[in-house]
């Protein structure tokens, strides 16, 4: 099950920066070569930053483990003629770790998956959809010591502030609280950050 296509297009059209640069839809970028998602020559088409977060939040390792993520930065693309976003990702169970490349100038998210990853369905209930949009163990900025400092970065993420039944909720802090014990038990605990790929313009630090 996927989010309604009209809703996906509306979300990217509400952001003039991306709407003015919109490319064709599809599950792969036209002219792409190489492995899907894990090579800059075959980036994942999505509908803006919101589409990136939803796609990343839905991903799981082949064993069903949720992915942690942060945005390393941007890089130029000869395939799209636009900037790509580059994320470092790691499964909590330690069975997947690498980089994913996104082209955020499309009317919808791709339904194709990188090799070695699976995906959960788009939730049917409104509350589940809200957490699929804003939740996830990740941030849209760069975490210098990833994944060890991701919990602290989530606590500082004010973009995840929402209102539920008239009460302001810092969703980043809620997610961080759930992440903390998971990270302690994870094989990722104590691992050094991966070397940044060449050609990346670093994103601002998330904290």
N, C-alpha and C. Protein backbone atom coordinates (compact mmCIF):
# COMPACT_ATOMS: atom_id res chain seq x y z
N UNK A 1 0.84 -1.20 0.00
CA UNK A 1 0.00 0.00 0.00
C UNK A 1 0.88 1.25 0.00
N UNK A 2 0.56 2.20 -0.88
CA UNK A 2 1.33 3.43 -1.01
C UNK A 2 0.45 4.64 -0.71
N UNK A 3 1.09 5.74 -0.33
CA UNK A 3 0.38 6.99 -0.14
C UNK A 3 -0.27 7.42 -1.46
N UNK A 4 -1.45 8.04 -1.39
CA UNK A 4 -2.16 8.52 -2.56
C UNK A 4 -1.23 9.37 -3.44
N UNK A 5 -1.26 9.12 -4.75
CA UNK A 5 -0.35 9.83 -5.67
C UNK A 5 -0.62 11.33 -5.72
N UNK A 6 -1.91 11.71 -5.62
CA UNK A 6 -2.24 13.14 -5.62
C UNK A 6 -1.66 13.84 -4.40
N UNK A 7 -1.68 13.16 -3.24
CA UNK A 7 -1.10 13.73 -2.02
C UNK A 7 0.40 13.87 -2.14
N UNK A 8 1.05 12.92 -2.80
CA UNK A 8 2.50 13.00 -3.00
C UNK A 8 2.87 14.19 -3.89
N UNK A 9 2.11 14.38 -4.95
CA UNK A 9 2.37 15.50 -5.87
C UNK A 9 2.12 16.83 -5.17
N UNK A 10 1.04 16.89 -4.38
CA UNK A 10 0.71 18.13 -3.66
C UNK A 10 1.84 18.52 -2.71
N UNK A 11 2.43 17.54 -2.03
CA UNK A 11 3.46 17.85 -1.04
C UNK A 11 4.69 18.47 -1.69
N UNK A 12 5.05 18.03 -2.89
CA UNK A 12 6.23 18.60 -3.56
C UNK A 12 5.88 19.93 -4.23
N UNK A 13 4.64 20.08 -4.70
CA UNK A 13 4.22 21.33 -5.33
C UNK A 13 4.12 22.48 -4.32
N UNK A 14 3.98 22.14 -3.04
CA UNK A 14 3.89 23.18 -2.00
C UNK A 14 5.26 23.75 -1.65
N UNK A 15 6.32 23.16 -2.18
CA UNK A 15 7.67 23.66 -1.97
C UNK A 15 8.19 24.22 -3.30
N UNK A 16 8.16 25.55 -3.47
CA UNK A 16 8.54 26.15 -4.76
C UNK A 16 9.93 25.74 -5.24
N UNK A 17 10.87 25.56 -4.32
CA UNK A 17 12.23 25.20 -4.72
C UNK A 17 12.24 23.92 -5.53
N UNK A 18 11.47 22.92 -5.09
CA UNK A 18 11.44 21.63 -5.78
C UNK A 18 10.43 21.63 -6.92
N UNK A 19 9.30 22.31 -6.74
CA UNK A 19 8.27 22.34 -7.77
C UNK A 19 8.78 22.96 -9.06
N UNK A 20 9.64 23.97 -8.95
CA UNK A 20 10.18 24.65 -10.14
C UNK A 20 11.20 23.79 -10.89
N UNK A 21 11.69 22.73 -10.27
CA UNK A 21 12.72 21.89 -10.89
C UNK A 21 12.21 20.47 -11.15
N UNK A 22 10.89 20.29 -11.12
CA UNK A 22 10.29 18.96 -11.16
C UNK A 22 10.68 18.18 -12.42
N UNK A 23 11.12 16.94 -12.22
CA UNK A 23 11.48 16.03 -13.30
C UNK A 23 10.35 15.02 -13.50
N UNK A 24 10.51 14.14 -14.46
CA UNK A 24 9.48 13.14 -14.75
C UNK A 24 9.33 12.16 -13.60
N UNK A 25 8.13 11.58 -13.51
CA UNK A 25 7.88 10.56 -12.51
C UNK A 25 8.41 9.21 -12.97
N UNK A 26 8.34 8.22 -12.11
CA UNK A 26 8.82 6.88 -12.45
C UNK A 26 9.59 6.29 -11.30
N UNK A 27 9.85 5.00 -11.38
CA UNK A 27 10.54 4.30 -10.30
C UNK A 27 12.05 4.37 -10.43
N UNK A 28 12.54 4.78 -11.60
CA UNK A 28 13.96 5.04 -11.80
C UNK A 28 14.13 6.33 -12.58
N UNK A 29 15.23 7.01 -12.34
CA UNK A 29 15.55 8.23 -13.08
C UNK A 29 15.92 7.86 -14.52
N UNK A 30 15.44 8.64 -15.48
CA UNK A 30 15.74 8.37 -16.88
C UNK A 30 17.25 8.42 -17.14
N UNK A 31 17.76 7.39 -17.80
CA UNK A 31 19.19 7.33 -18.12
C UNK A 31 20.06 6.78 -17.01
N UNK A 32 19.44 6.28 -15.94
CA UNK A 32 20.20 5.77 -14.79
C UNK A 32 20.99 4.51 -15.16
N UNK A 33 22.14 4.37 -14.52
CA UNK A 33 22.96 3.17 -14.67
C UNK A 33 23.49 2.75 -13.30
N UNK A 34 23.87 1.49 -13.17
CA UNK A 34 24.43 1.03 -11.89
C UNK A 34 23.36 0.55 -10.94
N UNK A 35 23.77 0.24 -9.72
CA UNK A 35 22.86 -0.30 -8.72
C UNK A 35 21.90 0.77 -8.21
N UNK A 36 20.63 0.40 -8.12
CA UNK A 36 19.60 1.34 -7.72
C UNK A 36 19.80 1.81 -6.28
N UNK A 37 19.86 3.12 -6.12
CA UNK A 37 19.88 3.73 -4.79
C UNK A 37 21.23 3.81 -4.13
N UNK A 38 22.11 2.86 -4.43
CA UNK A 38 23.40 2.81 -3.74
C UNK A 38 24.55 3.37 -4.59
N UNK A 39 24.24 3.79 -5.81
CA UNK A 39 25.21 4.46 -6.66
C UNK A 39 24.63 5.79 -7.13
N UNK A 40 25.50 6.80 -7.21
CA UNK A 40 25.03 8.14 -7.56
C UNK A 40 24.48 8.21 -8.98
N UNK A 41 24.83 7.22 -9.80
CA UNK A 41 24.33 7.19 -11.18
C UNK A 41 22.94 6.59 -11.30
N UNK A 42 22.38 6.12 -10.17
CA UNK A 42 21.03 5.56 -10.17
C UNK A 42 20.32 5.94 -8.87
N UNK A 43 20.06 7.26 -8.69
CA UNK A 43 19.47 7.71 -7.43
C UNK A 43 17.99 7.35 -7.32
N UNK A 44 17.49 7.36 -6.09
CA UNK A 44 16.10 7.03 -5.81
C UNK A 44 15.22 8.26 -6.05
N UNK A 45 14.25 8.20 -6.98
CA UNK A 45 13.37 9.34 -7.20
C UNK A 45 12.35 9.48 -6.06
N UNK A 46 12.26 10.68 -5.49
CA UNK A 46 11.28 10.95 -4.43
C UNK A 46 10.73 12.37 -4.59
N UNK A 47 9.66 12.65 -3.85
CA UNK A 47 8.99 13.94 -3.94
C UNK A 47 9.44 14.88 -2.81
N UNK A 48 10.65 15.40 -2.95
CA UNK A 48 11.16 16.39 -2.00
C UNK A 48 11.67 15.78 -0.71
N UNK A 49 12.09 16.63 0.25
CA UNK A 49 12.60 16.15 1.54
C UNK A 49 11.58 15.30 2.31
N UNK A 50 10.30 15.66 2.21
CA UNK A 50 9.27 14.85 2.87
C UNK A 50 9.28 13.43 2.31
N UNK A 51 9.43 13.31 0.99
CA UNK A 51 9.48 12.00 0.37
C UNK A 51 10.70 11.21 0.80
N UNK A 52 11.83 11.90 0.98
CA UNK A 52 13.04 11.23 1.46
C UNK A 52 12.81 10.63 2.84
N UNK A 53 12.25 11.45 3.74
CA UNK A 53 12.04 10.97 5.12
C UNK A 53 11.07 9.79 5.15
N UNK A 54 9.97 9.88 4.40
CA UNK A 54 8.99 8.79 4.39
C UNK A 54 9.62 7.51 3.83
N UNK A 55 10.35 7.65 2.74
CA UNK A 55 10.99 6.48 2.13
C UNK A 55 11.97 5.84 3.11
N UNK A 56 12.82 6.67 3.72
CA UNK A 56 13.83 6.14 4.66
C UNK A 56 13.18 5.50 5.88
N UNK A 57 12.13 6.13 6.39
CA UNK A 57 11.45 5.61 7.58
C UNK A 57 10.79 4.27 7.29
N UNK A 58 10.39 4.04 6.05
CA UNK A 58 9.71 2.79 5.70
C UNK A 58 10.68 1.63 5.46
N UNK A 59 11.96 1.93 5.29
CA UNK A 59 12.92 0.88 4.94
C UNK A 59 13.26 -0.02 6.13
N UNK A 60 13.51 -1.26 5.81
CA UNK A 60 13.94 -2.25 6.80
C UNK A 60 15.05 -3.10 6.18
N UNK A 61 15.88 -3.68 7.04
CA UNK A 61 16.84 -4.66 6.55
C UNK A 61 16.07 -5.92 6.18
N UNK A 62 16.74 -6.86 5.56
CA UNK A 62 16.07 -8.10 5.16
C UNK A 62 15.59 -8.90 6.37
N UNK A 63 16.15 -8.61 7.54
CA UNK A 63 15.70 -9.28 8.76
C UNK A 63 14.61 -8.49 9.47
N UNK A 64 14.18 -7.36 8.88
CA UNK A 64 13.09 -6.58 9.45
C UNK A 64 13.52 -5.48 10.39
N UNK A 65 14.81 -5.21 10.50
CA UNK A 65 15.32 -4.20 11.43
C UNK A 65 15.19 -2.81 10.83
N UNK A 66 14.81 -1.84 11.67
CA UNK A 66 14.63 -0.47 11.22
C UNK A 66 15.98 0.19 10.93
N UNK A 67 15.96 1.14 9.98
CA UNK A 67 17.18 1.84 9.60
C UNK A 67 17.35 3.16 10.33
N UNK A 68 18.58 3.46 10.72
CA UNK A 68 18.97 4.77 11.21
C UNK A 68 19.49 5.56 10.01
N UNK A 69 19.32 6.88 10.03
CA UNK A 69 19.80 7.65 8.88
C UNK A 69 20.12 9.09 9.26
N UNK A 70 21.00 9.70 8.48
CA UNK A 70 21.26 11.13 8.54
C UNK A 70 21.70 11.58 7.16
N UNK A 71 21.47 12.86 6.85
CA UNK A 71 21.81 13.38 5.52
C UNK A 71 23.23 13.92 5.55
N UNK A 72 24.11 13.28 4.81
CA UNK A 72 25.51 13.72 4.74
C UNK A 72 25.64 15.05 4.01
N UNK A 73 24.87 15.21 2.93
CA UNK A 73 24.97 16.43 2.14
C UNK A 73 24.43 16.23 0.75
N UNK A 74 24.94 17.04 -0.20
CA UNK A 74 24.48 17.01 -1.58
C UNK A 74 25.65 16.78 -2.52
N UNK A 75 25.33 16.37 -3.74
CA UNK A 75 26.35 16.24 -4.76
C UNK A 75 25.72 16.47 -6.14
N UNK A 76 26.53 16.94 -7.07
CA UNK A 76 26.04 17.18 -8.42
C UNK A 76 25.81 15.86 -9.15
N UNK A 77 24.83 15.88 -10.06
CA UNK A 77 24.50 14.68 -10.82
C UNK A 77 24.46 14.97 -12.31
N UNK A 78 25.24 14.21 -13.07
CA UNK A 78 25.19 14.32 -14.52
C UNK A 78 23.94 13.64 -15.08
N UNK A 79 23.36 12.74 -14.31
CA UNK A 79 22.17 12.01 -14.76
C UNK A 79 20.93 12.91 -14.75
N UNK A 80 20.72 13.64 -13.65
CA UNK A 80 19.50 14.45 -13.52
C UNK A 80 19.73 15.93 -13.85
N UNK A 81 20.98 16.38 -13.79
CA UNK A 81 21.23 17.80 -13.95
C UNK A 81 20.88 18.61 -12.71
N UNK A 82 20.50 17.94 -11.64
CA UNK A 82 20.15 18.57 -10.37
C UNK A 82 21.02 17.99 -9.26
N UNK A 83 20.95 18.60 -8.09
CA UNK A 83 21.69 18.08 -6.95
C UNK A 83 21.02 16.84 -6.38
N UNK A 84 21.83 15.89 -5.97
CA UNK A 84 21.34 14.70 -5.26
C UNK A 84 21.55 14.89 -3.76
N UNK A 85 20.69 14.29 -2.95
CA UNK A 85 20.90 14.20 -1.51
C UNK A 85 21.52 12.85 -1.19
N UNK A 86 22.49 12.84 -0.28
CA UNK A 86 23.19 11.61 0.09
C UNK A 86 22.98 11.34 1.57
N UNK A 87 22.49 10.15 1.89
CA UNK A 87 22.24 9.74 3.27
C UNK A 87 23.12 8.54 3.62
N UNK A 88 23.61 8.57 4.86
CA UNK A 88 24.25 7.37 5.42
C UNK A 88 23.17 6.64 6.21
N UNK A 89 23.08 5.34 6.01
CA UNK A 89 22.07 4.54 6.69
C UNK A 89 22.71 3.33 7.35
N UNK A 90 22.06 2.84 8.40
CA UNK A 90 22.55 1.65 9.09
C UNK A 90 21.38 0.96 9.77
N UNK A 91 21.26 -0.35 9.58
CA UNK A 91 20.21 -1.12 10.25
C UNK A 91 20.60 -1.37 11.70
N UNK A 92 19.62 -1.28 12.59
CA UNK A 92 19.89 -1.47 14.01
C UNK A 92 20.52 -2.83 14.32
N UNK A 93 20.17 -3.84 13.51
CA UNK A 93 20.72 -5.17 13.79
C UNK A 93 22.12 -5.35 13.20
N UNK A 94 22.64 -4.30 12.53
CA UNK A 94 23.99 -4.35 12.01
C UNK A 94 24.16 -5.06 10.69
N UNK A 95 23.06 -5.55 10.09
CA UNK A 95 23.17 -6.34 8.87
C UNK A 95 23.15 -5.49 7.59
N UNK A 96 23.00 -4.19 7.74
CA UNK A 96 23.06 -3.33 6.56
C UNK A 96 23.65 -1.99 6.96
N UNK A 97 24.59 -1.52 6.15
CA UNK A 97 25.20 -0.21 6.38
C UNK A 97 25.74 0.31 5.06
N UNK A 98 25.44 1.55 4.75
CA UNK A 98 25.91 2.09 3.48
C UNK A 98 25.37 3.48 3.21
N UNK A 99 25.39 3.87 1.95
CA UNK A 99 24.94 5.20 1.53
C UNK A 99 23.81 5.04 0.51
N UNK A 100 22.82 5.95 0.61
CA UNK A 100 21.73 5.98 -0.36
C UNK A 100 21.68 7.36 -1.01
N UNK A 101 21.46 7.35 -2.32
CA UNK A 101 21.43 8.59 -3.11
C UNK A 101 20.00 8.86 -3.56
N UNK A 102 19.55 10.11 -3.37
CA UNK A 102 18.17 10.48 -3.69
C UNK A 102 18.13 11.64 -4.69
N UNK A 103 17.19 11.55 -5.63
CA UNK A 103 16.85 12.67 -6.50
C UNK A 103 15.48 13.18 -6.04
N UNK A 104 15.43 14.34 -5.36
CA UNK A 104 14.18 14.78 -4.72
C UNK A 104 13.25 15.63 -5.59
N UNK A 105 13.44 15.60 -6.91
CA UNK A 105 12.68 16.49 -7.79
C UNK A 105 11.64 15.73 -8.63
N UNK A 106 10.85 14.91 -7.99
CA UNK A 106 9.90 14.07 -8.72
C UNK A 106 8.50 14.16 -8.09
N UNK A 107 7.46 13.83 -8.86
CA UNK A 107 6.09 13.97 -8.35
C UNK A 107 5.68 12.89 -7.35
N UNK A 108 6.43 11.81 -7.27
CA UNK A 108 6.09 10.74 -6.33
C UNK A 108 7.34 9.98 -5.93
N UNK A 109 7.20 9.17 -4.88
CA UNK A 109 8.29 8.32 -4.43
C UNK A 109 8.35 7.04 -5.26
N UNK A 110 9.54 6.59 -5.52
CA UNK A 110 9.74 5.31 -6.19
C UNK A 110 9.24 4.18 -5.29
N UNK A 111 8.74 3.13 -5.91
CA UNK A 111 8.35 1.93 -5.15
C UNK A 111 9.44 0.86 -5.27
N UNK A 112 10.50 1.18 -5.98
CA UNK A 112 11.62 0.25 -6.11
C UNK A 112 12.52 0.35 -4.89
N UNK A 113 13.20 -0.75 -4.57
CA UNK A 113 14.04 -0.81 -3.38
C UNK A 113 15.49 -1.15 -3.72
N UNK A 114 16.44 -0.59 -2.98
CA UNK A 114 17.84 -1.01 -3.15
C UNK A 114 18.01 -2.48 -2.75
N UNK A 115 18.98 -3.12 -3.37
CA UNK A 115 19.28 -4.52 -3.04
C UNK A 115 19.63 -4.63 -1.55
N UNK A 116 19.06 -5.64 -0.89
CA UNK A 116 19.37 -5.88 0.51
C UNK A 116 18.43 -5.21 1.49
N UNK A 117 17.41 -4.49 0.97
CA UNK A 117 16.47 -3.79 1.85
C UNK A 117 15.04 -4.19 1.53
N UNK A 118 14.18 -4.11 2.54
CA UNK A 118 12.75 -4.33 2.38
C UNK A 118 12.02 -3.07 2.83
N UNK A 119 10.68 -3.11 2.82
CA UNK A 119 9.91 -1.90 3.12
C UNK A 119 8.59 -2.28 3.76
N UNK A 120 8.14 -1.46 4.72
CA UNK A 120 6.81 -1.64 5.30
C UNK A 120 5.82 -0.81 4.51
N UNK A 121 4.54 -1.19 4.56
CA UNK A 121 3.49 -0.49 3.82
C UNK A 121 3.19 0.87 4.42
N UNK A 122 2.63 1.75 3.60
CA UNK A 122 2.10 3.03 4.05
C UNK A 122 0.91 2.75 4.98
N UNK A 123 0.90 3.32 6.21
CA UNK A 123 -0.18 3.01 7.17
C UNK A 123 -1.56 3.46 6.67
N UNK A 124 -2.57 2.72 7.06
CA UNK A 124 -3.94 3.07 6.66
C UNK A 124 -4.56 4.11 7.59
N UNK A 125 -4.10 4.18 8.85
CA UNK A 125 -4.71 5.09 9.82
C UNK A 125 -3.96 6.42 9.88
N UNK A 126 -4.66 7.53 10.16
CA UNK A 126 -4.05 8.86 10.18
C UNK A 126 -2.87 8.99 11.16
N UNK A 127 -2.98 8.41 12.34
CA UNK A 127 -1.89 8.50 13.32
C UNK A 127 -0.65 7.78 12.81
N UNK A 128 -0.86 6.62 12.20
CA UNK A 128 0.27 5.90 11.63
C UNK A 128 0.92 6.66 10.49
N UNK A 129 0.10 7.35 9.70
CA UNK A 129 0.63 8.16 8.59
C UNK A 129 1.45 9.34 9.11
N UNK A 130 1.01 9.92 10.22
CA UNK A 130 1.76 11.03 10.80
C UNK A 130 3.14 10.58 11.25
N UNK A 131 3.21 9.42 11.90
CA UNK A 131 4.50 8.93 12.36
C UNK A 131 5.36 8.44 11.19
N UNK A 132 4.71 7.96 10.12
CA UNK A 132 5.46 7.56 8.93
C UNK A 132 6.08 8.77 8.25
N UNK A 133 5.43 9.94 8.40
CA UNK A 133 5.91 11.17 7.79
C UNK A 133 6.97 11.86 8.63
N UNK A 134 6.78 11.86 9.95
CA UNK A 134 7.66 12.62 10.84
C UNK A 134 8.53 11.75 11.74
N UNK A 135 8.20 10.48 11.83
CA UNK A 135 8.94 9.61 12.73
C UNK A 135 10.21 9.08 12.10
N UNK A 136 10.62 7.92 12.53
CA UNK A 136 11.84 7.32 11.97
C UNK A 136 13.06 7.68 12.79
N UNK A 137 14.03 6.79 12.79
CA UNK A 137 15.27 6.98 13.54
C UNK A 137 16.28 7.74 12.68
N UNK A 138 15.96 9.01 12.36
CA UNK A 138 16.88 9.75 11.52
C UNK A 138 16.61 11.24 11.50
N UNK A 139 17.58 11.98 10.98
CA UNK A 139 17.49 13.44 10.88
C UNK A 139 17.89 13.87 9.47
N UNK A 140 17.43 15.07 9.09
CA UNK A 140 17.70 15.58 7.75
C UNK A 140 18.98 16.43 7.71
N UNK A 141 19.69 16.51 8.83
CA UNK A 141 20.99 17.16 8.87
C UNK A 141 22.08 16.12 9.04
N UNK A 142 23.31 16.60 9.19
CA UNK A 142 24.47 15.69 9.30
C UNK A 142 24.82 15.46 10.76
N UNK A 143 25.10 14.21 11.09
CA UNK A 143 25.52 13.83 12.44
C UNK A 143 27.00 13.44 12.35
N UNK A 144 27.85 14.21 13.01
CA UNK A 144 29.29 14.03 12.85
C UNK A 144 29.76 12.64 13.28
N UNK A 145 29.24 12.16 14.40
CA UNK A 145 29.60 10.81 14.86
C UNK A 145 28.35 9.93 14.77
N UNK A 146 28.12 9.44 13.57
CA UNK A 146 26.94 8.59 13.31
C UNK A 146 27.37 7.12 13.37
N UNK A 147 26.62 6.25 14.06
CA UNK A 147 25.30 6.51 14.63
C UNK A 147 25.29 6.89 16.11
N UNK A 148 26.46 6.97 16.75
CA UNK A 148 26.48 7.13 18.21
C UNK A 148 25.80 8.42 18.68
N UNK A 149 25.90 9.51 17.89
CA UNK A 149 25.32 10.79 18.30
C UNK A 149 23.93 11.05 17.72
N UNK A 150 23.34 10.04 17.09
CA UNK A 150 22.02 10.25 16.47
C UNK A 150 20.95 10.54 17.52
N UNK A 151 21.02 9.87 18.66
CA UNK A 151 20.02 10.12 19.71
C UNK A 151 20.02 11.59 20.12
N UNK A 152 21.20 12.15 20.35
CA UNK A 152 21.31 13.56 20.75
C UNK A 152 20.80 14.48 19.64
N UNK A 153 21.09 14.14 18.38
CA UNK A 153 20.62 14.95 17.26
C UNK A 153 19.10 14.94 17.16
N UNK A 154 18.49 13.81 17.42
CA UNK A 154 17.03 13.73 17.41
C UNK A 154 16.41 14.61 18.49
N UNK A 155 17.02 14.64 19.66
CA UNK A 155 16.50 15.46 20.75
C UNK A 155 16.57 16.95 20.40
N UNK A 156 17.49 17.33 19.54
CA UNK A 156 17.65 18.74 19.15
C UNK A 156 16.82 19.11 17.92
N UNK A 157 16.16 18.14 17.31
CA UNK A 157 15.47 18.37 16.03
C UNK A 157 14.11 19.02 16.25
N UNK A 158 14.04 20.35 16.12
CA UNK A 158 12.79 21.08 16.33
C UNK A 158 11.85 20.98 15.12
N UNK A 159 12.32 20.45 14.00
CA UNK A 159 11.44 20.29 12.84
C UNK A 159 10.41 19.19 13.09
N UNK A 160 10.61 18.41 14.14
CA UNK A 160 9.69 17.32 14.46
C UNK A 160 8.72 17.69 15.57
N UNK A 161 8.51 19.00 15.79
CA UNK A 161 7.54 19.45 16.78
C UNK A 161 6.14 19.41 16.18
N UNK A 162 5.21 18.73 16.85
CA UNK A 162 3.84 18.61 16.36
C UNK A 162 2.87 18.91 17.50
N UNK A 163 1.60 19.04 17.13
CA UNK A 163 0.56 19.28 18.13
C UNK A 163 -0.43 18.13 18.09
N UNK A 164 -0.66 17.51 19.23
CA UNK A 164 -1.61 16.40 19.35
C UNK A 164 -2.61 16.75 20.44
N UNK A 165 -3.89 16.84 20.05
CA UNK A 165 -4.97 17.17 20.99
C UNK A 165 -4.66 18.44 21.78
N UNK A 166 -4.13 19.44 21.07
CA UNK A 166 -3.87 20.73 21.69
C UNK A 166 -2.58 20.80 22.48
N UNK A 167 -1.82 19.72 22.50
CA UNK A 167 -0.57 19.70 23.27
C UNK A 167 0.63 19.59 22.34
N UNK A 168 1.63 20.44 22.56
CA UNK A 168 2.84 20.42 21.74
C UNK A 168 3.72 19.24 22.15
N UNK A 169 4.11 18.46 21.16
CA UNK A 169 4.93 17.26 21.41
C UNK A 169 6.23 17.37 20.61
N UNK A 170 7.36 17.22 21.29
CA UNK A 170 8.66 17.17 20.63
C UNK A 170 8.89 15.73 20.18
N UNK A 171 8.47 15.44 18.94
CA UNK A 171 8.52 14.07 18.46
C UNK A 171 9.95 13.53 18.41
N UNK A 172 10.91 14.42 18.12
CA UNK A 172 12.30 13.99 18.10
C UNK A 172 12.75 13.42 19.43
N UNK A 173 12.32 14.06 20.52
CA UNK A 173 12.67 13.58 21.85
C UNK A 173 12.01 12.23 22.14
N UNK A 174 10.77 12.06 21.64
CA UNK A 174 10.05 10.80 21.83
C UNK A 174 10.77 9.67 21.10
N UNK A 175 11.15 9.95 19.85
CA UNK A 175 11.86 8.94 19.05
C UNK A 175 13.21 8.62 19.69
N UNK A 176 13.92 9.67 20.15
CA UNK A 176 15.23 9.47 20.79
C UNK A 176 15.12 8.58 22.02
N UNK A 177 14.05 8.75 22.78
CA UNK A 177 13.85 7.94 23.99
C UNK A 177 13.71 6.46 23.63
N UNK A 178 13.04 6.18 22.52
CA UNK A 178 12.89 4.79 22.08
C UNK A 178 14.19 4.25 21.47
N UNK A 179 14.95 5.16 20.84
CA UNK A 179 16.17 4.73 20.18
C UNK A 179 17.29 4.38 21.16
N UNK A 180 17.37 5.13 22.26
CA UNK A 180 18.49 4.98 23.20
C UNK A 180 18.76 3.53 23.63
N UNK A 181 17.76 2.80 24.15
CA UNK A 181 18.05 1.42 24.56
C UNK A 181 18.34 0.50 23.37
N UNK A 182 17.72 0.80 22.21
CA UNK A 182 17.97 -0.01 21.02
C UNK A 182 19.43 0.12 20.57
N UNK A 183 19.96 1.35 20.63
CA UNK A 183 21.35 1.57 20.23
C UNK A 183 22.32 0.87 21.17
N UNK A 184 22.00 0.87 22.46
CA UNK A 184 22.88 0.21 23.43
C UNK A 184 23.00 -1.28 23.14
N UNK A 185 21.91 -1.88 22.67
CA UNK A 185 21.92 -3.32 22.38
C UNK A 185 22.42 -3.64 20.97
N UNK A 186 22.54 -2.61 20.13
CA UNK A 186 22.84 -2.81 18.72
C UNK A 186 24.33 -3.09 18.48
N UNK A 187 24.63 -3.92 17.48
CA UNK A 187 26.03 -4.11 17.06
C UNK A 187 26.66 -2.82 16.54
N UNK A 188 25.84 -1.81 16.24
CA UNK A 188 26.35 -0.53 15.76
C UNK A 188 27.00 0.28 16.87
N UNK A 189 26.66 -0.05 18.11
CA UNK A 189 27.16 0.71 19.26
C UNK A 189 28.69 0.73 19.29
N UNK A 190 29.26 1.94 19.24
CA UNK A 190 30.71 2.08 19.31
C UNK A 190 31.43 2.04 17.98
N UNK A 191 30.68 1.79 16.89
CA UNK A 191 31.33 1.75 15.58
C UNK A 191 31.71 3.16 15.11
N UNK A 192 32.80 3.27 14.40
CA UNK A 192 33.23 4.56 13.85
C UNK A 192 32.37 4.93 12.64
N UNK A 193 32.23 6.24 12.36
CA UNK A 193 31.51 6.67 11.16
C UNK A 193 32.21 6.15 9.90
N UNK A 194 31.43 5.95 8.84
CA UNK A 194 32.00 5.53 7.57
C UNK A 194 32.64 6.73 6.88
N UNK A 195 33.71 6.54 6.10
CA UNK A 195 34.31 7.64 5.35
C UNK A 195 33.31 8.23 4.37
N UNK A 196 33.26 9.55 4.28
CA UNK A 196 32.31 10.21 3.40
C UNK A 196 32.72 10.01 1.94
N UNK A 197 31.75 9.67 1.06
CA UNK A 197 32.08 9.53 -0.37
C UNK A 197 32.61 10.83 -0.96
N UNK A 198 33.38 10.72 -2.03
CA UNK A 198 33.93 11.89 -2.71
C UNK A 198 32.82 12.72 -3.37
N UNK A 199 33.07 14.02 -3.48
CA UNK A 199 32.18 14.88 -4.24
C UNK A 199 30.98 15.41 -3.48
N UNK A 200 30.92 15.19 -2.16
CA UNK A 200 29.76 15.61 -1.39
C UNK A 200 29.98 17.01 -0.80
N UNK A 201 28.97 17.86 -0.94
CA UNK A 201 28.93 19.15 -0.26
C UNK A 201 28.28 18.89 1.10
N UNK A 202 29.03 18.96 2.20
CA UNK A 202 28.47 18.55 3.49
C UNK A 202 27.24 19.35 3.91
N UNK A 203 26.26 18.68 4.48
CA UNK A 203 25.08 19.34 5.03
C UNK A 203 25.43 19.99 6.36
N UNK A 204 24.59 20.89 6.82
CA UNK A 204 24.77 21.50 8.14
C UNK A 204 24.63 20.44 9.22
N UNK A 205 25.36 20.61 10.30
CA UNK A 205 25.24 19.65 11.41
C UNK A 205 23.85 19.72 12.02
N UNK A 206 23.34 18.56 12.44
CA UNK A 206 21.99 18.48 12.98
C UNK A 206 21.91 19.00 14.40
N UNK A 207 23.04 19.27 15.03
CA UNK A 207 23.03 19.79 16.40
C UNK A 207 24.31 20.57 16.65
